[in-house]
Amino acid sequence: MTISWFWSRSFLMDRRMLWLLFIVNLLGTIYGYIWYGNQLADTADNHPLWQLVFVPDSPTASLFFTLVLLYLLFPPQSDSRWIKGTRIIIEGLAVVTSVKYGIWAVAMIVAGGAQGDELYWQHAMLSASHLGMAAEVLLYARFMKAGTAAAVIGTLWLLLNDTVDYNFEVFPWLADVLYDDLPQVELFTYCLSIFSFIVGWIALKQKKSA
């Protein structure tokens, strides 16, 4: 057995692995929404309710990938265009959002630490889990039905999210030391959306090797 076996179809598509990842991602998604609880409450008190959906970025990304795992565990048997279309859009959203927010969260932790923010063990846990988000979705992209159009739709969602976040100030709360760098954070966030599209699109094009 070589190390390449760990990203082979036989390993990644084993139902035991799929179930393990499903449980881990489901629990991580629930924890993520709980982690955003204070910001969601603050947004509900001080902003229009429609902006709530744009607040919890990372848990929504992991929710999309959790649904992707369900599709892999229980492939839809229906020929319905609506069912197929819904699956493809969710897959496109899962790929670009998981890449983006997996990288973004780690970048903000590193940037905060570089400017003197005190880091705790939770930051290491968050960094590992978010990098895992990006890695797992890239590993599984070749098993998805989504293509270029779905990646474009996912990226349009990212850009809309960025626009709402920074125009209405509902972006994820940052370390205090980063608020004087908010224009740079905003620019980085937009650029990362485009980067995530490129990386996600490349990953989705690898179906021939699946």
C-alpha atoms as a PDB file:
ATOM      1  CA  MET A   1       0.000   0.000   0.000  1.00  0.00           C
ATOM      2  CA  THR A   2       1.390   3.384  -1.025  1.00  0.00           C
ATOM      3  CA  ILE A   3       0.484   6.807   0.314  1.00  0.00           C
ATOM      4  CA  SER A   4      -1.532   7.518  -2.851  1.00  0.00           C
ATOM      5  CA  TRP A   5      -4.069   4.930  -1.655  1.00  0.00           C
ATOM      6  CA  PHE A   6      -5.335   7.479   0.857  1.00  0.00           C
ATOM      7  CA  TRP A   7      -6.790   9.620  -1.951  1.00  0.00           C
ATOM      8  CA  SER A   8      -7.883   6.721  -4.125  1.00  0.00           C
ATOM      9  CA  ARG A   9     -11.516   6.009  -4.983  1.00  0.00           C
ATOM     10  CA  SER A  10     -11.482   2.770  -2.993  1.00  0.00           C
ATOM     11  CA  PHE A  11     -10.474   4.621   0.179  1.00  0.00           C
ATOM     12  CA  LEU A  12     -12.405   7.862  -0.208  1.00  0.00           C
ATOM     13  CA  MET A  13     -15.637   6.279  -1.430  1.00  0.00           C
ATOM     14  CA  ASP A  14     -15.669   3.487   1.156  1.00  0.00           C
ATOM     15  CA  ARG A  15     -18.982   3.877   2.966  1.00  0.00           C
ATOM     16  CA  ARG A  16     -17.266   3.755   6.349  1.00  0.00           C
ATOM     17  CA  MET A  17     -15.145   6.753   5.368  1.00  0.00           C
ATOM     18  CA  LEU A  18     -18.174   8.588   3.987  1.00  0.00           C
ATOM     19  CA  TRP A  19     -20.129   7.983   7.191  1.00  0.00           C
ATOM     20  CA  LEU A  20     -17.203   9.101   9.326  1.00  0.00           C
ATOM     21  CA  LEU A  21     -16.836  12.329   7.365  1.00  0.00           C
ATOM     22  CA  PHE A  22     -20.585  12.884   7.395  1.00  0.00           C
ATOM     23  CA  ILE A  23     -20.726  12.632  11.201  1.00  0.00           C
ATOM     24  CA  VAL A  24     -17.634  14.830  11.675  1.00  0.00           C
ATOM     25  CA  ASN A  25     -18.916  17.489   9.295  1.00  0.00           C
ATOM     26  CA  LEU A  26     -22.428  17.425  10.726  1.00  0.00           C
ATOM     27  CA  LEU A  27     -21.102  17.927  14.251  1.00  0.00           C
ATOM     28  CA  GLY A  28     -18.717  20.622  13.011  1.00  0.00           C
ATOM     29  CA  THR A  29     -21.577  22.405  11.272  1.00  0.00           C
ATOM     30  CA  ILE A  30     -23.690  22.387  14.427  1.00  0.00           C
ATOM     31  CA  TYR A  31     -20.742  23.644  16.484  1.00  0.00           C
ATOM     32  CA  GLY A  32     -20.100  26.353  13.894  1.00  0.00           C
ATOM     33  CA  TYR A  33     -23.630  27.726  14.095  1.00  0.00           C
ATOM     34  CA  ILE A  34     -23.405  27.688  17.894  1.00  0.00           C
ATOM     35  CA  TRP A  35     -20.048  29.519  17.683  1.00  0.00           C
ATOM     36  CA  TYR A  36     -21.731  32.226  15.586  1.00  0.00           C
ATOM     37  CA  GLY A  37     -24.597  32.476  18.083  1.00  0.00           C
ATOM     38  CA  ASN A  38     -23.609  35.831  19.595  1.00  0.00           C
ATOM     39  CA  GLN A  39     -23.049  37.445  16.214  1.00  0.00           C
ATOM     40  CA  LEU A  40     -26.328  36.060  14.890  1.00  0.00           C
ATOM     41  CA  ALA A  41     -28.133  37.499  17.926  1.00  0.00           C
ATOM     42  CA  ASP A  42     -26.396  40.850  17.467  1.00  0.00           C
ATOM     43  CA  THR A  43     -27.279  40.888  13.766  1.00  0.00           C
ATOM     44  CA  ALA A  44     -30.918  40.056  14.510  1.00  0.00           C
ATOM     45  CA  ASP A  45     -31.062  42.948  17.003  1.00  0.00           C
ATOM     46  CA  ASN A  46     -29.323  45.569  14.863  1.00  0.00           C
ATOM     47  CA  HIS A  47     -29.789  44.611  11.218  1.00  0.00           C
ATOM     48  CA  PRO A  48     -32.604  43.539   8.891  1.00  0.00           C
ATOM     49  CA  LEU A  49     -33.348  39.844   9.340  1.00  0.00           C
ATOM     50  CA  TRP A  50     -32.527  39.022   5.708  1.00  0.00           C
ATOM     51  CA  GLN A  51     -28.857  39.665   6.495  1.00  0.00           C
ATOM     52  CA  LEU A  52     -28.729  36.751   8.959  1.00  0.00           C
ATOM     53  CA  VAL A  53     -28.086  34.246   6.186  1.00  0.00           C
ATOM     54  CA  PHE A  54     -24.836  36.037   5.310  1.00  0.00           C
ATOM     55  CA  VAL A  55     -23.353  35.829   8.819  1.00  0.00           C
ATOM     56  CA  PRO A  56     -22.314  32.178   9.473  1.00  0.00           C
ATOM     57  CA  ASP A  57     -19.932  31.591   6.558  1.00  0.00           C
ATOM     58  CA  SER A  58     -17.881  28.546   7.578  1.00  0.00           C
ATOM     59  CA  PRO A  59     -20.719  26.438   9.054  1.00  0.00           C
ATOM     60  CA  THR A  60     -22.816  27.077   5.948  1.00  0.00           C
ATOM     61  CA  ALA A  61     -19.905  25.887   3.810  1.00  0.00           C
ATOM     62  CA  SER A  62     -19.565  22.726   5.901  1.00  0.00           C
ATOM     63  CA  LEU A  63     -23.342  22.249   5.696  1.00  0.00           C
ATOM     64  CA  PHE A  64     -23.089  22.215   1.898  1.00  0.00           C
ATOM     65  CA  PHE A  65     -20.349  19.575   2.039  1.00  0.00           C
ATOM     66  CA  THR A  66     -22.337  17.532   4.566  1.00  0.00           C
ATOM     67  CA  LEU A  67     -25.178  17.439   2.023  1.00  0.00           C
ATOM     68  CA  VAL A  68     -22.695  16.396  -0.670  1.00  0.00           C
ATOM     69  CA  LEU A  69     -21.686  13.443   1.509  1.00  0.00           C
ATOM     70  CA  LEU A  70     -25.358  12.482   1.798  1.00  0.00           C
ATOM     71  CA  TYR A  71     -25.625  12.482  -1.992  1.00  0.00           C
ATOM     72  CA  LEU A  72     -22.587  10.198  -2.176  1.00  0.00           C
ATOM     73  CA  LEU A  73     -24.013   7.875   0.472  1.00  0.00           C
ATOM     74  CA  PHE A  74     -27.492   7.813  -1.057  1.00  0.00           C
ATOM     75  CA  PRO A  75     -27.291   8.770  -4.757  1.00  0.00           C
ATOM     76  CA  PRO A  76     -30.696  10.041  -5.969  1.00  0.00           C
ATOM     77  CA  GLN A  77     -32.413   7.541  -8.254  1.00  0.00           C
ATOM     78  CA  SER A  78     -34.843  10.042  -9.724  1.00  0.00           C
ATOM     79  CA  ASP A  79     -34.355  11.494 -13.217  1.00  0.00           C
ATOM     80  CA  SER A  80     -35.980  14.740 -12.103  1.00  0.00           C
ATOM     81  CA  ARG A  81     -34.172  17.798 -13.461  1.00  0.00           C
ATOM     82  CA  TRP A  82     -34.983  19.649 -10.249  1.00  0.00           C
ATOM     83  CA  ILE A  83     -33.296  17.000  -8.100  1.00  0.00           C
ATOM     84  CA  LYS A  84     -30.250  16.805 -10.369  1.00  0.00           C
ATOM     85  CA  GLY A  85     -30.015  20.575 -10.602  1.00  0.00           C
ATOM     86  CA  THR A  86     -30.291  21.032  -6.847  1.00  0.00           C
ATOM     87  CA  ARG A  87     -27.529  18.493  -6.269  1.00  0.00           C
ATOM     88  CA  ILE A  88     -25.208  20.140  -8.792  1.00  0.00           C
ATOM     89  CA  ILE A  89     -25.727  23.618  -7.315  1.00  0.00           C
ATOM     90  CA  ILE A  90     -25.122  22.366  -3.765  1.00  0.00           C
ATOM     91  CA  GLU A  91     -21.926  20.666  -4.933  1.00  0.00           C
ATOM     92  CA  GLY A  92     -20.719  23.839  -6.626  1.00  0.00           C
ATOM     93  CA  LEU A  93     -21.456  25.842  -3.492  1.00  0.00           C
ATOM     94  CA  ALA A  94     -19.710  23.238  -1.323  1.00  0.00           C
ATOM     95  CA  VAL A  95     -16.507  23.358  -3.345  1.00  0.00           C
ATOM     96  CA  VAL A  96     -15.974  27.108  -3.612  1.00  0.00           C
ATOM     97  CA  THR A  97     -17.251  28.010  -0.141  1.00  0.00           C
ATOM     98  CA  SER A  98     -15.226  25.300   1.624  1.00  0.00           C
ATOM     99  CA  VAL A  99     -12.025  26.318  -0.148  1.00  0.00           C
ATOM    100  CA  LYS A 100     -12.599  29.992   0.550  1.00  0.00           C
ATOM    101  CA  TYR A 101     -13.642  29.908   4.184  1.00  0.00           C
ATOM    102  CA  GLY A 102     -11.211  27.126   5.011  1.00  0.00           C
ATOM    103  CA  ILE A 103      -8.360  29.378   3.907  1.00  0.00           C
ATOM    104  CA  TRP A 104      -9.897  32.674   5.072  1.00  0.00           C
ATOM    105  CA  ALA A 105     -10.327  31.628   8.687  1.00  0.00           C
ATOM    106  CA  VAL A 106      -6.731  30.429   8.955  1.00  0.00           C
ATOM    107  CA  ALA A 107      -5.443  33.575   7.260  1.00  0.00           C
ATOM    108  CA  MET A 108      -7.292  35.771   9.773  1.00  0.00           C
ATOM    109  CA  ILE A 109      -5.936  33.781  12.718  1.00  0.00           C
ATOM    110  CA  VAL A 110      -2.378  34.056  11.385  1.00  0.00           C
ATOM    111  CA  ALA A 111      -2.806  37.766  10.590  1.00  0.00           C
ATOM    112  CA  GLY A 112      -4.161  38.454  14.063  1.00  0.00           C
ATOM    113  CA  GLY A 113      -1.346  36.536  15.709  1.00  0.00           C
ATOM    114  CA  ALA A 114       1.252  38.394  13.615  1.00  0.00           C
ATOM    115  CA  GLN A 115      -0.128  41.694  14.940  1.00  0.00           C
ATOM    116  CA  GLY A 116      -0.070  40.645  18.568  1.00  0.00           C
ATOM    117  CA  ASP A 117      -3.432  38.960  19.121  1.00  0.00           C
ATOM    118  CA  GLU A 118      -3.060  36.351  21.857  1.00  0.00           C
ATOM    119  CA  LEU A 119      -3.573  32.881  20.447  1.00  0.00           C
ATOM    120  CA  TYR A 120      -5.005  29.932  22.362  1.00  0.00           C
ATOM    121  CA  TRP A 121      -5.383  26.214  21.717  1.00  0.00           C
ATOM    122  CA  GLN A 122      -8.790  26.926  20.176  1.00  0.00           C
ATOM    123  CA  HIS A 123      -7.061  28.809  17.375  1.00  0.00           C
ATOM    124  CA  ALA A 124      -5.018  25.701  16.545  1.00  0.00           C
ATOM    125  CA  MET A 125      -8.199  23.607  16.566  1.00  0.00           C
ATOM    126  CA  LEU A 126      -9.986  26.093  14.320  1.00  0.00           C
ATOM    127  CA  SER A 127      -7.023  26.266  11.940  1.00  0.00           C
ATOM    128  CA  ALA A 128      -6.829  22.480  11.622  1.00  0.00           C
ATOM    129  CA  SER A 129     -10.580  22.076  11.110  1.00  0.00           C
ATOM    130  CA  HIS A 130     -10.784  24.845   8.527  1.00  0.00           C
ATOM    131  CA  LEU A 131      -7.807  23.562   6.544  1.00  0.00           C
ATOM    132  CA  GLY A 132      -9.540  20.181   6.685  1.00  0.00           C
ATOM    133  CA  MET A 133     -12.632  21.764   5.137  1.00  0.00           C
ATOM    134  CA  ALA A 134     -10.644  22.936   2.133  1.00  0.00           C
ATOM    135  CA  ALA A 135      -8.699  19.680   1.778  1.00  0.00           C
ATOM    136  CA  GLU A 136     -11.662  17.307   1.972  1.00  0.00           C
ATOM    137  CA  VAL A 137     -13.766  19.137  -0.580  1.00  0.00           C
ATOM    138  CA  LEU A 138     -10.874  19.175  -3.061  1.00  0.00           C
ATOM    139  CA  LEU A 139     -10.346  15.445  -2.545  1.00  0.00           C
ATOM    140  CA  TYR A 140     -14.014  14.705  -3.207  1.00  0.00           C
ATOM    141  CA  ALA A 141     -14.606  17.192  -6.034  1.00  0.00           C
ATOM    142  CA  ARG A 142     -13.807  14.573  -8.673  1.00  0.00           C
ATOM    143  CA  PHE A 143     -16.688  12.415  -7.438  1.00  0.00           C
ATOM    144  CA  MET A 144     -19.242  15.213  -7.842  1.00  0.00           C
ATOM    145  CA  LYS A 145     -21.620  15.949 -10.721  1.00  0.00           C
ATOM    146  CA  ALA A 146     -20.980  19.710 -10.644  1.00  0.00           C
ATOM    147  CA  GLY A 147     -19.070  21.485 -13.376  1.00  0.00           C
ATOM    148  CA  THR A 148     -18.159  24.986 -14.486  1.00  0.00           C
ATOM    149  CA  ALA A 149     -21.668  26.419 -14.289  1.00  0.00           C
ATOM    150  CA  ALA A 150     -22.113  25.252 -10.691  1.00  0.00           C
ATOM    151  CA  ALA A 151     -18.717  26.693  -9.728  1.00  0.00           C
ATOM    152  CA  VAL A 152     -19.744  30.022 -11.281  1.00  0.00           C
ATOM    153  CA  ILE A 153     -23.017  30.009  -9.334  1.00  0.00           C
ATOM    154  CA  GLY A 154     -21.129  29.244  -6.132  1.00  0.00           C
ATOM    155  CA  THR A 155     -18.698  32.075  -6.811  1.00  0.00           C
ATOM    156  CA  LEU A 156     -21.503  34.546  -7.481  1.00  0.00           C
ATOM    157  CA  TRP A 157     -22.850  33.595  -4.051  1.00  0.00           C
ATOM    158  CA  LEU A 158     -19.416  34.246  -2.532  1.00  0.00           C
ATOM    159  CA  LEU A 159     -19.190  37.681  -4.156  1.00  0.00           C
ATOM    160  CA  LEU A 160     -22.721  38.548  -3.035  1.00  0.00           C
ATOM    161  CA  ASN A 161     -21.813  37.416   0.482  1.00  0.00           C
ATOM    162  CA  ASP A 162     -18.667  39.563   0.408  1.00  0.00           C
ATOM    163  CA  THR A 163     -20.648  42.584  -0.755  1.00  0.00           C
ATOM    164  CA  VAL A 164     -23.282  42.212   1.960  1.00  0.00           C
ATOM    165  CA  ASP A 165     -20.640  41.505   4.614  1.00  0.00           C
ATOM    166  CA  TYR A 166     -18.584  44.637   4.032  1.00  0.00           C
ATOM    167  CA  ASN A 167     -21.304  47.053   2.953  1.00  0.00           C
ATOM    168  CA  PHE A 168     -23.608  46.217   5.856  1.00  0.00           C
ATOM    169  CA  GLU A 169     -20.884  45.261   8.369  1.00  0.00           C
ATOM    170  CA  VAL A 170     -21.995  41.691   8.972  1.00  0.00           C
ATOM    171  CA  PHE A 171     -18.617  40.129   8.184  1.00  0.00           C
ATOM    172  CA  PRO A 172     -17.306  37.582  10.716  1.00  0.00           C
ATOM    173  CA  TRP A 173     -16.017  39.260  13.841  1.00  0.00           C
ATOM    174  CA  LEU A 174     -12.266  39.801  13.692  1.00  0.00           C
ATOM    175  CA  ALA A 175      -9.497  40.055  16.258  1.00  0.00           C
ATOM    176  CA  ASP A 176      -9.401  43.632  17.591  1.00  0.00           C
ATOM    177  CA  VAL A 177      -5.956  44.207  16.060  1.00  0.00           C
ATOM    178  CA  LEU A 178      -7.340  43.641  12.546  1.00  0.00           C
ATOM    179  CA  TYR A 179     -10.068  46.282  12.504  1.00  0.00           C
ATOM    180  CA  ASP A 180      -7.657  49.014  11.444  1.00  0.00           C
ATOM    181  CA  ASP A 181      -6.794  46.787   8.454  1.00  0.00           C
ATOM    182  CA  LEU A 182     -10.402  46.304   7.381  1.00  0.00           C
ATOM    183  CA  PRO A 183      -9.913  47.617   3.791  1.00  0.00           C
ATOM    184  CA  GLN A 184      -7.090  45.101   3.305  1.00  0.00           C
ATOM    185  CA  VAL A 185      -9.189  42.314   4.817  1.00  0.00           C
ATOM    186  CA  GLU A 186     -12.039  43.195   2.442  1.00  0.00           C
ATOM    187  CA  LEU A 187      -9.736  43.176  -0.595  1.00  0.00           C
ATOM    188  CA  PHE A 188      -8.218  39.859   0.476  1.00  0.00           C
ATOM    189  CA  THR A 189     -11.708  38.402   0.924  1.00  0.00           C
ATOM    190  CA  TYR A 190     -12.821  39.372  -2.594  1.00  0.00           C
ATOM    191  CA  CYS A 191      -9.591  38.072  -4.112  1.00  0.00           C
ATOM    192  CA  LEU A 192      -9.964  34.822  -2.216  1.00  0.00           C
ATOM    193  CA  SER A 193     -13.425  34.356  -3.744  1.00  0.00           C
ATOM    194  CA  ILE A 194     -11.903  34.464  -7.232  1.00  0.00           C
ATOM    195  CA  PHE A 195      -9.024  32.213  -6.162  1.00  0.00           C
ATOM    196  CA  SER A 196     -11.535  29.713  -4.747  1.00  0.00           C
ATOM    197  CA  PHE A 197     -13.376  29.634  -8.068  1.00  0.00           C
ATOM    198  CA  ILE A 198     -10.160  28.865  -9.955  1.00  0.00           C
ATOM    199  CA  VAL A 199      -9.064  26.132  -7.543  1.00  0.00           C
ATOM    200  CA  GLY A 200     -12.575  24.669  -7.320  1.00  0.00           C
ATOM    201  CA  TRP A 201     -13.017  24.693 -11.093  1.00  0.00           C
ATOM    202  CA  ILE A 202      -9.716  22.862 -11.568  1.00  0.00           C
ATOM    203  CA  ALA A 203     -10.690  20.282  -8.942  1.00  0.00           C
ATOM    204  CA  LEU A 204     -14.071  19.674 -10.547  1.00  0.00           C
ATOM    205  CA  LYS A 205     -12.409  19.107 -13.914  1.00  0.00           C
ATOM    206  CA  GLN A 206     -10.488  16.080 -12.576  1.00  0.00           C
ATOM    207  CA  LYS A 207     -13.378  13.639 -12.975  1.00  0.00           C
ATOM    208  CA  LYS A 208     -11.475  11.513 -15.491  1.00  0.00           C
ATOM    209  CA  SER A 209      -9.143  10.379 -12.713  1.00  0.00           C
ATOM    210  CA  ALA A 210     -11.971   9.471 -10.325  1.00  0.00           C
END
